[in-house]
Amino acid sequence: EIYRGAEYVVDFLPKLKIEIVVPDSLALKALEVIQHAAFTGKMGDGK
C-alpha cells in the first residue's frame, strides 16, 4: 500500500475466526454451510 508517498508492505490481513462446537451429527453439515457461505472464489477466502 502507498501511504503519504511511501510504499508499505501489509503482511497480515484482517480476518475473522469463528469457533463453534457441534455434535458429531451436525459437523459435516456445519462444515459445508460455512464453506458455501464464506465462498467468494477469490484468494483469501480462508480455511
ModelCIF file with pLDDT and N, C-alpha, C, O atoms, coordinates in Angstrom:
data_MODEL
#
_entry.id   MODEL 
#
_entity.id                         1 
_entity.type                       polymer 
_entity.pdbx_number_of_molecules   1 
#
_entity_poly.entity_id                      1 
_entity_poly.type                           'polypeptide(L)' 
_entity_poly.nstd_linkage                   no 
_entity_poly.nstd_monomer                   no 
_entity_poly.pdbx_seq_one_letter_code       EIYRGAEYVVDFLPKLKIEIVVPDSLALKALEVIQHAAFTGKMGDGK 
_entity_poly.pdbx_seq_one_letter_code_can   EIYRGAEYVVDFLPKLKIEIVVPDSLALKALEVIQHAAFTGKMGDGK 
_entity_poly.pdbx_strand_id                 A 
#
loop_
_entity_poly_seq.entity_id 
_entity_poly_seq.num 
_entity_poly_seq.mon_id 
_entity_poly_seq.hetero 
1 1  GLU n 
1 2  ILE n 
1 3  TYR n 
1 4  ARG n 
1 5  GLY n 
1 6  ALA n 
1 7  GLU n 
1 8  TYR n 
1 9  VAL n 
1 10 VAL n 
1 11 ASP n 
1 12 PHE n 
1 13 LEU n 
1 14 PRO n 
1 15 LYS n 
1 16 LEU n 
1 17 LYS n 
1 18 ILE n 
1 19 GLU n 
1 20 ILE n 
1 21 VAL n 
1 22 VAL n 
1 23 PRO n 
1 24 ASP n 
1 25 SER n 
1 26 LEU n 
1 27 ALA n 
1 28 LEU n 
1 29 LYS n 
1 30 ALA n 
1 31 LEU n 
1 32 GLU n 
1 33 VAL n 
1 34 ILE n 
1 35 GLN n 
1 36 HIS n 
1 37 ALA n 
1 38 ALA n 
1 39 PHE n 
1 40 THR n 
1 41 GLY n 
1 42 LYS n 
1 43 MET n 
1 44 GLY n 
1 45 ASP n 
1 46 GLY n 
1 47 LYS n 
#
_struct_asym.id          A 
_struct_asym.entity_id   1 
#
loop_
_ma_qa_metric.id 
_ma_qa_metric.mode 
_ma_qa_metric.name 
_ma_qa_metric.software_group_id 
_ma_qa_metric.type 
1 global pLDDT . pLDDT 
2 local  pLDDT . pLDDT 
#
_ma_qa_metric_global.metric_id      1 
_ma_qa_metric_global.metric_value   88.28 
_ma_qa_metric_global.model_id       1 
_ma_qa_metric_global.ordinal_id     1 
#
loop_
_ma_qa_metric_local.label_asym_id 
_ma_qa_metric_local.label_comp_id 
_ma_qa_metric_local.label_seq_id 
_ma_qa_metric_local.metric_id 
_ma_qa_metric_local.metric_value 
_ma_qa_metric_local.model_id 
_ma_qa_metric_local.ordinal_id 
A GLU 1  2 62.00 1 1  
A ILE 2  2 68.00 1 2  
A TYR 3  2 67.00 1 3  
A ARG 4  2 72.00 1 4  
A GLY 5  2 73.00 1 5  
A ALA 6  2 71.00 1 6  
A GLU 7  2 65.00 1 7  
A TYR 8  2 64.00 1 8  
A VAL 9  2 68.00 1 9  
A VAL 10 2 67.00 1 10 
A ASP 11 2 73.00 1 11 
A PHE 12 2 79.00 1 12 
A LEU 13 2 83.00 1 13 
A PRO 14 2 89.00 1 14 
A LYS 15 2 94.00 1 15 
A LEU 16 2 97.00 1 16 
A LYS 17 2 98.00 1 17 
A ILE 18 2 98.00 1 18 
A GLU 19 2 98.00 1 19 
A ILE 20 2 98.00 1 20 
A VAL 21 2 97.00 1 21 
A VAL 22 2 97.00 1 22 
A PRO 23 2 96.00 1 23 
A ASP 24 2 96.00 1 24 
A SER 25 2 95.00 1 25 
A LEU 26 2 95.00 1 26 
A ALA 27 2 96.00 1 27 
A LEU 28 2 97.00 1 28 
A LYS 29 2 97.00 1 29 
A ALA 30 2 97.00 1 30 
A LEU 31 2 97.00 1 31 
A GLU 32 2 97.00 1 32 
A VAL 33 2 97.00 1 33 
A ILE 34 2 98.00 1 34 
A GLN 35 2 98.00 1 35 
A HIS 36 2 97.00 1 36 
A ALA 37 2 98.00 1 37 
A ALA 38 2 97.00 1 38 
A PHE 39 2 97.00 1 39 
A THR 40 2 95.00 1 40 
A GLY 41 2 93.00 1 41 
A LYS 42 2 89.00 1 42 
A MET 43 2 84.00 1 43 
A GLY 44 2 85.00 1 44 
A ASP 45 2 91.00 1 45 
A GLY 46 2 93.00 1 46 
A LYS 47 2 96.00 1 47 
#
loop_
_atom_site.group_PDB 
_atom_site.id 
_atom_site.type_symbol 
_atom_site.label_atom_id 
_atom_site.label_alt_id 
_atom_site.label_comp_id 
_atom_site.label_asym_id 
_atom_site.label_entity_id 
_atom_site.label_seq_id 
_atom_site.pdbx_PDB_ins_code 
_atom_site.Cartn_x 
_atom_site.Cartn_y 
_atom_site.Cartn_z 
_atom_site.occupancy 
_atom_site.B_iso_or_equiv 
_atom_site.pdbx_formal_charge 
_atom_site.auth_seq_id 
_atom_site.auth_comp_id 
_atom_site.auth_asym_id 
_atom_site.auth_atom_id 
_atom_site.pdbx_PDB_model_num 
ATOM 1   N N  . GLU A 1 1  ? 0.857   -1.183  0.000  1.00 62.00 ? 1  GLU A N  1 
ATOM 2   C CA . GLU A 1 1  ? 0.000   0.000   0.000  1.00 62.00 ? 1  GLU A CA 1 
ATOM 3   C C  . GLU A 1 1  ? 0.891   1.230   0.000  1.00 62.00 ? 1  GLU A C  1 
ATOM 4   O O  . GLU A 1 1  ? 2.024   1.186   0.478  1.00 62.00 ? 1  GLU A O  1 
ATOM 5   N N  . ILE A 1 2  ? 0.378   2.322   -0.535 1.00 68.00 ? 2  ILE A N  1 
ATOM 6   C CA . ILE A 1 2  ? 1.116   3.576   -0.526 1.00 68.00 ? 2  ILE A CA 1 
ATOM 7   C C  . ILE A 1 2  ? 0.421   4.527   0.435  1.00 68.00 ? 2  ILE A C  1 
ATOM 8   O O  . ILE A 1 2  ? -0.779  4.774   0.318  1.00 68.00 ? 2  ILE A O  1 
ATOM 9   N N  . TYR A 1 3  ? 1.182   5.058   1.385  1.00 67.00 ? 3  TYR A N  1 
ATOM 10  C CA . TYR A 1 3  ? 0.658   5.987   2.371  1.00 67.00 ? 3  TYR A CA 1 
ATOM 11  C C  . TYR A 1 3  ? 1.586   7.191   2.418  1.00 67.00 ? 3  TYR A C  1 
ATOM 12  O O  . TYR A 1 3  ? 2.769   7.057   2.729  1.00 67.00 ? 3  TYR A O  1 
ATOM 13  N N  . ARG A 1 4  ? 1.049   8.367   2.111  1.00 72.00 ? 4  ARG A N  1 
ATOM 14  C CA . ARG A 1 4  ? 1.826   9.614   2.086  1.00 72.00 ? 4  ARG A CA 1 
ATOM 15  C C  . ARG A 1 4  ? 3.086   9.477   1.249  1.00 72.00 ? 4  ARG A C  1 
ATOM 16  O O  . ARG A 1 4  ? 4.161   9.932   1.640  1.00 72.00 ? 4  ARG A O  1 
ATOM 17  N N  . GLY A 1 5  ? 2.940   8.852   0.107  1.00 73.00 ? 5  GLY A N  1 
ATOM 18  C CA . GLY A 1 5  ? 4.036   8.742   -0.850 1.00 73.00 ? 5  GLY A CA 1 
ATOM 19  C C  . GLY A 1 5  ? 5.024   7.631   -0.595 1.00 73.00 ? 5  GLY A C  1 
ATOM 20  O O  . GLY A 1 5  ? 5.919   7.412   -1.410 1.00 73.00 ? 5  GLY A O  1 
ATOM 21  N N  . ALA A 1 6  ? 4.892   6.922   0.510  1.00 71.00 ? 6  ALA A N  1 
ATOM 22  C CA . ALA A 1 6  ? 5.810   5.826   0.810  1.00 71.00 ? 6  ALA A CA 1 
ATOM 23  C C  . ALA A 1 6  ? 5.069   4.496   0.683  1.00 71.00 ? 6  ALA A C  1 
ATOM 24  O O  . ALA A 1 6  ? 3.900   4.380   1.053  1.00 71.00 ? 6  ALA A O  1 
ATOM 25  N N  . GLU A 1 7  ? 5.764   3.509   0.157  1.00 65.00 ? 7  GLU A N  1 
ATOM 26  C CA . GLU A 1 7  ? 5.162   2.188   -0.022 1.00 65.00 ? 7  GLU A CA 1 
ATOM 27  C C  . GLU A 1 7  ? 5.414   1.334   1.215  1.00 65.00 ? 7  GLU A C  1 
ATOM 28  O O  . GLU A 1 7  ? 6.538   1.251   1.709  1.00 65.00 ? 7  GLU A O  1 
ATOM 29  N N  . TYR A 1 8  ? 4.350   0.700   1.706  1.00 64.00 ? 8  TYR A N  1 
ATOM 30  C CA . TYR A 1 8  ? 4.427   -0.184  2.855  1.00 64.00 ? 8  TYR A CA 1 
ATOM 31  C C  . TYR A 1 8  ? 3.891   -1.548  2.465  1.00 64.00 ? 8  TYR A C  1 
ATOM 32  O O  . TYR A 1 8  ? 2.941   -1.656  1.689  1.00 64.00 ? 8  TYR A O  1 
ATOM 33  N N  . VAL A 1 9  ? 4.500   -2.582  3.004  1.00 68.00 ? 9  VAL A N  1 
ATOM 34  C CA . VAL A 1 9  ? 4.008   -3.934  2.771  1.00 68.00 ? 9  VAL A CA 1 
ATOM 35  C C  . VAL A 1 9  ? 3.095   -4.306  3.939  1.00 68.00 ? 9  VAL A C  1 
ATOM 36  O O  . VAL A 1 9  ? 3.503   -4.254  5.099  1.00 68.00 ? 9  VAL A O  1 
ATOM 37  N N  . VAL A 1 10 ? 1.864   -4.679  3.621  1.00 67.00 ? 10 VAL A N  1 
ATOM 38  C CA . VAL A 1 10 ? 0.910   -5.125  4.635  1.00 67.00 ? 10 VAL A CA 1 
ATOM 39  C C  . VAL A 1 10 ? 0.948   -6.647  4.634  1.00 67.00 ? 10 VAL A C  1 
ATOM 40  O O  . VAL A 1 10 ? 0.338   -7.291  3.781  1.00 67.00 ? 10 VAL A O  1 
ATOM 41  N N  . ASP A 1 11 ? 1.676   -7.221  5.605  1.00 73.00 ? 11 ASP A N  1 
ATOM 42  C CA . ASP A 1 11 ? 1.869   -8.673  5.649  1.00 73.00 ? 11 ASP A CA 1 
ATOM 43  C C  . ASP A 1 11 ? 0.654   -9.404  6.205  1.00 73.00 ? 11 ASP A C  1 
ATOM 44  O O  . ASP A 1 11 ? 0.274   -10.462 5.703  1.00 73.00 ? 11 ASP A O  1 
ATOM 45  N N  . PHE A 1 12 ? 0.050   -8.840  7.238  1.00 79.00 ? 12 PHE A N  1 
ATOM 46  C CA . PHE A 1 12 ? -1.037  -9.520  7.923  1.00 79.00 ? 12 PHE A CA 1 
ATOM 47  C C  . PHE A 1 12 ? -2.360  -8.861  7.560  1.00 79.00 ? 12 PHE A C  1 
ATOM 48  O O  . PHE A 1 12 ? -2.571  -7.675  7.810  1.00 79.00 ? 12 PHE A O  1 
ATOM 49  N N  . LEU A 1 13 ? -3.239  -9.648  6.971  1.00 83.00 ? 13 LEU A N  1 
ATOM 50  C CA . LEU A 1 13 ? -4.530  -9.138  6.526  1.00 83.00 ? 13 LEU A CA 1 
ATOM 51  C C  . LEU A 1 13 ? -5.594  -9.405  7.584  1.00 83.00 ? 13 LEU A C  1 
ATOM 52  O O  . LEU A 1 13 ? -5.532  -10.420 8.278  1.00 83.00 ? 13 LEU A O  1 
ATOM 53  N N  . PRO A 1 14 ? -6.578  -8.500  7.719  1.00 89.00 ? 14 PRO A N  1 
ATOM 54  C CA . PRO A 1 14 ? -7.629  -8.703  8.720  1.00 89.00 ? 14 PRO A CA 1 
ATOM 55  C C  . PRO A 1 14 ? -8.559  -9.854  8.324  1.00 89.00 ? 14 PRO A C  1 
ATOM 56  O O  . PRO A 1 14 ? -9.007  -9.935  7.181  1.00 89.00 ? 14 PRO A O  1 
ATOM 57  N N  . LYS A 1 15 ? -8.837  -10.726 9.265  1.00 94.00 ? 15 LYS A N  1 
ATOM 58  C CA . LYS A 1 15 ? -9.743  -11.861 9.079  1.00 94.00 ? 15 LYS A CA 1 
ATOM 59  C C  . LYS A 1 15 ? -10.584 -12.004 10.343 1.00 94.00 ? 15 LYS A C  1 
ATOM 60  O O  . LYS A 1 15 ? -10.332 -11.337 11.346 1.00 94.00 ? 15 LYS A O  1 
ATOM 61  N N  . LEU A 1 16 ? -11.569 -12.865 10.285 1.00 97.00 ? 16 LEU A N  1 
ATOM 62  C CA . LEU A 1 16 ? -12.338 -13.233 11.470 1.00 97.00 ? 16 LEU A CA 1 
ATOM 63  C C  . LEU A 1 16 ? -12.186 -14.729 11.688 1.00 97.00 ? 16 LEU A C  1 
ATOM 64  O O  . LEU A 1 16 ? -12.158 -15.511 10.737 1.00 97.00 ? 16 LEU A O  1 
ATOM 65  N N  . LYS A 1 17 ? -12.088 -15.114 12.957 1.00 98.00 ? 17 LYS A N  1 
ATOM 66  C CA . LYS A 1 17 ? -12.067 -16.535 13.299 1.00 98.00 ? 17 LYS A CA 1 
ATOM 67  C C  . LYS A 1 17 ? -13.364 -16.859 14.021 1.00 98.00 ? 17 LYS A C  1 
ATOM 68  O O  . LYS A 1 17 ? -13.679 -16.276 15.059 1.00 98.00 ? 17 LYS A O  1 
ATOM 69  N N  . ILE A 1 18 ? -14.103 -17.789 13.458 1.00 98.00 ? 18 ILE A N  1 
ATOM 70  C CA . ILE A 1 18 ? -15.349 -18.262 14.055 1.00 98.00 ? 18 ILE A CA 1 
ATOM 71  C C  . ILE A 1 18 ? -15.064 -19.617 14.687 1.00 98.00 ? 18 ILE A C  1 
ATOM 72  O O  . ILE A 1 18 ? -14.464 -20.488 14.057 1.00 98.00 ? 18 ILE A O  1 
ATOM 73  N N  . GLU A 1 19 ? -15.495 -19.795 15.930 1.00 98.00 ? 19 GLU A N  1 
ATOM 74  C CA . GLU A 1 19 ? -15.335 -21.067 16.619 1.00 98.00 ? 19 GLU A CA 1 
ATOM 75  C C  . GLU A 1 19 ? -16.703 -21.556 17.066 1.00 98.00 ? 19 GLU A C  1 
ATOM 76  O O  . GLU A 1 19 ? -17.456 -20.830 17.716 1.00 98.00 ? 19 GLU A O  1 
ATOM 77  N N  . ILE A 1 20 ? -17.015 -22.802 16.708 1.00 98.00 ? 20 ILE A N  1 
ATOM 78  C CA . ILE A 1 20 ? -18.254 -23.429 17.160 1.00 98.00 ? 20 ILE A CA 1 
ATOM 79  C C  . ILE A 1 20 ? -17.942 -24.856 17.591 1.00 98.00 ? 20 ILE A C  1 
ATOM 80  O O  . ILE A 1 20 ? -17.015 -25.481 17.076 1.00 98.00 ? 20 ILE A O  1 
ATOM 81  N N  . VAL A 1 21 ? -18.721 -25.364 18.536 1.00 97.00 ? 21 VAL A N  1 
ATOM 82  C CA . VAL A 1 21 ? -18.630 -26.771 18.918 1.00 97.00 ? 21 VAL A CA 1 
ATOM 83  C C  . VAL A 1 21 ? -19.998 -27.378 18.643 1.00 97.00 ? 21 VAL A C  1 
ATOM 84  O O  . VAL A 1 21 ? -21.022 -26.868 19.097 1.00 97.00 ? 21 VAL A O  1 
ATOM 85  N N  . VAL A 1 22 ? -20.000 -28.470 17.894 1.00 97.00 ? 22 VAL A N  1 
ATOM 86  C CA . VAL A 1 22 ? -21.257 -29.084 17.449 1.00 97.00 ? 22 VAL A CA 1 
ATOM 87  C C  . VAL A 1 22 ? -21.234 -30.582 17.731 1.00 97.00 ? 22 VAL A C  1 
ATOM 88  O O  . VAL A 1 22 ? -20.165 -31.180 17.855 1.00 97.00 ? 22 VAL A O  1 
ATOM 89  N N  . PRO A 1 23 ? -22.429 -31.191 17.833 1.00 96.00 ? 23 PRO A N  1 
ATOM 90  C CA . PRO A 1 23 ? -22.477 -32.656 17.932 1.00 96.00 ? 23 PRO A CA 1 
ATOM 91  C C  . PRO A 1 23 ? -21.897 -33.272 16.660 1.00 96.00 ? 23 PRO A C  1 
ATOM 92  O O  . PRO A 1 23 ? -21.938 -32.657 15.594 1.00 96.00 ? 23 PRO A O  1 
ATOM 93  N N  . ASP A 1 24 ? -21.369 -34.463 16.772 1.00 96.00 ? 24 ASP A N  1 
ATOM 94  C CA . ASP A 1 24 ? -20.805 -35.147 15.600 1.00 96.00 ? 24 ASP A CA 1 
ATOM 95  C C  . ASP A 1 24 ? -21.794 -35.193 14.445 1.00 96.00 ? 24 ASP A C  1 
ATOM 96  O O  . ASP A 1 24 ? -21.397 -35.084 13.285 1.00 96.00 ? 24 ASP A O  1 
ATOM 97  N N  . SER A 1 25 ? -23.076 -35.353 14.750 1.00 95.00 ? 25 SER A N  1 
ATOM 98  C CA . SER A 1 25 ? -24.091 -35.485 13.706 1.00 95.00 ? 25 SER A CA 1 
ATOM 99  C C  . SER A 1 25 ? -24.271 -34.205 12.890 1.00 95.00 ? 25 SER A C  1 
ATOM 100 O O  . SER A 1 25 ? -24.764 -34.264 11.763 1.00 95.00 ? 25 SER A O  1 
ATOM 101 N N  . LEU A 1 26 ? -23.882 -33.045 13.438 1.00 95.00 ? 26 LEU A N  1 
ATOM 102 C CA . LEU A 1 26 ? -24.023 -31.768 12.726 1.00 95.00 ? 26 LEU A CA 1 
ATOM 103 C C  . LEU A 1 26 ? -22.719 -31.273 12.109 1.00 95.00 ? 26 LEU A C  1 
ATOM 104 O O  . LEU A 1 26 ? -22.728 -30.292 11.364 1.00 95.00 ? 26 LEU A O  1 
ATOM 105 N N  . ALA A 1 27 ? -21.610 -31.925 12.402 1.00 96.00 ? 27 ALA A N  1 
ATOM 106 C CA . ALA A 1 27 ? -20.295 -31.413 11.998 1.00 96.00 ? 27 ALA A CA 1 
ATOM 107 C C  . ALA A 1 27 ? -20.146 -31.277 10.486 1.00 96.00 ? 27 ALA A C  1 
ATOM 108 O O  . ALA A 1 27 ? -19.717 -30.229 10.002 1.00 96.00 ? 27 ALA A O  1 
ATOM 109 N N  . LEU A 1 28 ? -20.489 -32.301 9.747  1.00 97.00 ? 28 LEU A N  1 
ATOM 110 C CA . LEU A 1 28 ? -20.327 -32.246 8.295  1.00 97.00 ? 28 LEU A CA 1 
ATOM 111 C C  . LEU A 1 28 ? -21.217 -31.173 7.676  1.00 97.00 ? 28 LEU A C  1 
ATOM 112 O O  . LEU A 1 28 ? -20.780 -30.440 6.789  1.00 97.00 ? 28 LEU A O  1 
ATOM 113 N N  . LYS A 1 29 ? -22.460 -31.076 8.138  1.00 97.00 ? 29 LYS A N  1 
ATOM 114 C CA . LYS A 1 29 ? -23.386 -30.061 7.621  1.00 97.00 ? 29 LYS A CA 1 
ATOM 115 C C  . LYS A 1 29 ? -22.871 -28.659 7.928  1.00 97.00 ? 29 LYS A C  1 
ATOM 116 O O  . LYS A 1 29 ? -22.913 -27.782 7.066  1.00 97.00 ? 29 LYS A O  1 
ATOM 117 N N  . ALA A 1 30 ? -22.385 -28.442 9.149  1.00 97.00 ? 30 ALA A N  1 
ATOM 118 C CA . ALA A 1 30 ? -21.852 -27.131 9.537  1.00 97.00 ? 30 ALA A CA 1 
ATOM 119 C C  . ALA A 1 30 ? -20.645 -26.770 8.674  1.00 97.00 ? 30 ALA A C  1 
ATOM 120 O O  . ALA A 1 30 ? -20.508 -25.626 8.240  1.00 97.00 ? 30 ALA A O  1 
ATOM 121 N N  . LEU A 1 31 ? -19.787 -27.728 8.428  1.00 97.00 ? 31 LEU A N  1 
ATOM 122 C CA . LEU A 1 31 ? -18.617 -27.514 7.572  1.00 97.00 ? 31 LEU A CA 1 
ATOM 123 C C  . LEU A 1 31 ? -19.042 -27.078 6.174  1.00 97.00 ? 31 LEU A C  1 
ATOM 124 O O  . LEU A 1 31 ? -18.504 -26.113 5.630  1.00 97.00 ? 31 LEU A O  1 
ATOM 125 N N  . GLU A 1 32 ? -20.002 -27.786 5.598  1.00 97.00 ? 32 GLU A N  1 
ATOM 126 C CA . GLU A 1 32 ? -20.487 -27.455 4.254  1.00 97.00 ? 32 GLU A CA 1 
ATOM 127 C C  . GLU A 1 32 ? -21.144 -26.079 4.209  1.00 97.00 ? 32 GLU A C  1 
ATOM 128 O O  . GLU A 1 32 ? -20.950 -25.323 3.257  1.00 97.00 ? 32 GLU A O  1 
ATOM 129 N N  . VAL A 1 33 ? -21.919 -25.758 5.238  1.00 97.00 ? 33 VAL A N  1 
ATOM 130 C CA . VAL A 1 33 ? -22.626 -24.474 5.296  1.00 97.00 ? 33 VAL A CA 1 
ATOM 131 C C  . VAL A 1 33 ? -21.628 -23.314 5.386  1.00 97.00 ? 33 VAL A C  1 
ATOM 132 O O  . VAL A 1 33 ? -21.789 -22.298 4.711  1.00 97.00 ? 33 VAL A O  1 
ATOM 133 N N  . ILE A 1 34 ? -20.603 -23.471 6.221  1.00 98.00 ? 34 ILE A N  1 
ATOM 134 C CA . ILE A 1 34 ? -19.587 -22.420 6.340  1.00 98.00 ? 34 ILE A CA 1 
ATOM 135 C C  . ILE A 1 34 ? -18.848 -22.253 5.016  1.00 98.00 ? 34 ILE A C  1 
ATOM 136 O O  . ILE A 1 34 ? -18.634 -21.133 4.552  1.00 98.00 ? 34 ILE A O  1 
ATOM 137 N N  . GLN A 1 35 ? -18.464 -23.366 4.417  1.00 98.00 ? 35 GLN A N  1 
ATOM 138 C CA . GLN A 1 35 ? -17.722 -23.307 3.160  1.00 98.00 ? 35 GLN A CA 1 
ATOM 139 C C  . GLN A 1 35 ? -18.533 -22.586 2.086  1.00 98.00 ? 35 GLN A C  1 
ATOM 140 O O  . GLN A 1 35 ? -17.995 -21.760 1.349  1.00 98.00 ? 35 GLN A O  1 
ATOM 141 N N  . HIS A 1 36 ? -19.799 -22.890 1.999  1.00 97.00 ? 36 HIS A N  1 
ATOM 142 C CA . HIS A 1 36 ? -20.664 -22.266 0.984  1.00 97.00 ? 36 HIS A CA 1 
ATOM 143 C C  . HIS A 1 36 ? -20.885 -20.779 1.284  1.00 97.00 ? 36 HIS A C  1 
ATOM 144 O O  . HIS A 1 36 ? -20.804 -19.950 0.378  1.00 97.00 ? 36 HIS A O  1 
ATOM 145 N N  . ALA A 1 37 ? -21.162 -20.438 2.538  1.00 98.00 ? 37 ALA A N  1 
ATOM 146 C CA . ALA A 1 37 ? -21.482 -19.051 2.893  1.00 98.00 ? 37 ALA A CA 1 
ATOM 147 C C  . ALA A 1 37 ? -20.260 -18.141 2.827  1.00 98.00 ? 37 ALA A C  1 
ATOM 148 O O  . ALA A 1 37 ? -20.403 -16.953 2.538  1.00 98.00 ? 37 ALA A O  1 
ATOM 149 N N  . ALA A 1 38 ? -19.067 -18.663 3.087  1.00 97.00 ? 38 ALA A N  1 
ATOM 150 C CA . ALA A 1 38 ? -17.860 -17.840 3.105  1.00 97.00 ? 38 ALA A CA 1 
ATOM 151 C C  . ALA A 1 38 ? -17.190 -17.738 1.739  1.00 97.00 ? 38 ALA A C  1 
ATOM 152 O O  . ALA A 1 38 ? -16.229 -16.985 1.581  1.00 97.00 ? 38 ALA A O  1 
ATOM 153 N N  . PHE A 1 39 ? -17.677 -18.476 0.759  1.00 97.00 ? 39 PHE A N  1 
ATOM 154 C CA . PHE A 1 39 ? -17.045 -18.553 -0.561 1.00 97.00 ? 39 PHE A CA 1 
ATOM 155 C C  . PHE A 1 39 ? -17.223 -17.272 -1.371 1.00 97.00 ? 39 PHE A C  1 
ATOM 156 O O  . PHE A 1 39 ? -18.333 -16.759 -1.511 1.00 97.00 ? 39 PHE A O  1 
ATOM 157 N N  . THR A 1 40 ? -16.106 -16.765 -1.902 1.00 95.00 ? 40 THR A N  1 
ATOM 158 C CA . THR A 1 40 ? -16.158 -15.675 -2.890 1.00 95.00 ? 40 THR A CA 1 
ATOM 159 C C  . THR A 1 40 ? -15.515 -16.111 -4.196 1.00 95.00 ? 40 THR A C  1 
ATOM 160 O O  . THR A 1 40 ? -15.761 -15.518 -5.247 1.00 95.00 ? 40 THR A O  1 
ATOM 161 N N  . GLY A 1 41 ? -14.687 -17.153 -4.126 1.00 93.00 ? 41 GLY A N  1 
ATOM 162 C CA . GLY A 1 41 ? -13.981 -17.607 -5.320 1.00 93.00 ? 41 GLY A CA 1 
ATOM 163 C C  . GLY A 1 41 ? -12.654 -16.896 -5.524 1.00 93.00 ? 41 GLY A C  1 
ATOM 164 O O  . GLY A 1 41 ? -11.948 -17.159 -6.498 1.00 93.00 ? 41 GLY A O  1 
ATOM 165 N N  . LYS A 1 42 ? -12.312 -15.997 -4.611 1.00 89.00 ? 42 LYS A N  1 
ATOM 166 C CA . LYS A 1 42 ? -11.073 -15.244 -4.737 1.00 89.00 ? 42 LYS A CA 1 
ATOM 167 C C  . LYS A 1 42 ? -10.080 -15.710 -3.674 1.00 89.00 ? 42 LYS A C  1 
ATOM 168 O O  . LYS A 1 42 ? -10.462 -16.283 -2.654 1.00 89.00 ? 42 LYS A O  1 
ATOM 169 N N  . MET A 1 43 ? -8.814  -15.456 -3.930 1.00 84.00 ? 43 MET A N  1 
ATOM 170 C CA . MET A 1 43 ? -7.769  -15.821 -2.986 1.00 84.00 ? 43 MET A CA 1 
ATOM 171 C C  . MET A 1 43 ? -8.045  -15.142 -1.647 1.00 84.00 ? 43 MET A C  1 
ATOM 172 O O  . MET A 1 43 ? -8.467  -13.986 -1.607 1.00 84.00 ? 43 MET A O  1 
ATOM 173 N N  . GLY A 1 44 ? -7.808  -15.861 -0.555 1.00 85.00 ? 44 GLY A N  1 
ATOM 174 C CA . GLY A 1 44 ? -8.011  -15.300 0.773  1.00 85.00 ? 44 GLY A CA 1 
ATOM 175 C C  . GLY A 1 44 ? -9.366  -15.612 1.378  1.00 85.00 ? 44 GLY A C  1 
ATOM 176 O O  . GLY A 1 44 ? -9.728  -15.043 2.408  1.00 85.00 ? 44 GLY A O  1 
ATOM 177 N N  . ASP A 1 45 ? -10.132 -16.521 0.746  1.00 91.00 ? 45 ASP A N  1 
ATOM 178 C CA . ASP A 1 45 ? -11.437 -16.893 1.297  1.00 91.00 ? 45 ASP A CA 1 
ATOM 179 C C  . ASP A 1 45 ? -11.309 -17.504 2.687  1.00 91.00 ? 45 ASP A C  1 
ATOM 180 O O  . ASP A 1 45 ? -12.237 -17.393 3.487  1.00 91.00 ? 45 ASP A O  1 
ATOM 181 N N  . GLY A 1 46 ? -10.198 -18.138 2.993  1.00 93.00 ? 46 GLY A N  1 
ATOM 182 C CA . GLY A 1 46 ? -9.973  -18.650 4.340  1.00 93.00 ? 46 GLY A CA 1 
ATOM 183 C C  . GLY A 1 46 ? -9.801  -20.147 4.407  1.00 93.00 ? 46 GLY A C  1 
ATOM 184 O O  . GLY A 1 46 ? -9.605  -20.820 3.395  1.00 93.00 ? 46 GLY A O  1 
ATOM 185 N N  . LYS A 1 47 ? -9.880  -20.656 5.629  1.00 96.00 ? 47 LYS A N  1 
ATOM 186 C CA . LYS A 1 47 ? -9.719  -22.089 5.877  1.00 96.00 ? 47 LYS A CA 1 
ATOM 187 C C  . LYS A 1 47 ? -10.668 -22.510 6.989  1.00 96.00 ? 47 LYS A C  1 
ATOM 188 O O  . LYS A 1 47 ? -10.699 -23.683 7.363  1.00 96.00 ? 47 LYS A O  1 
#
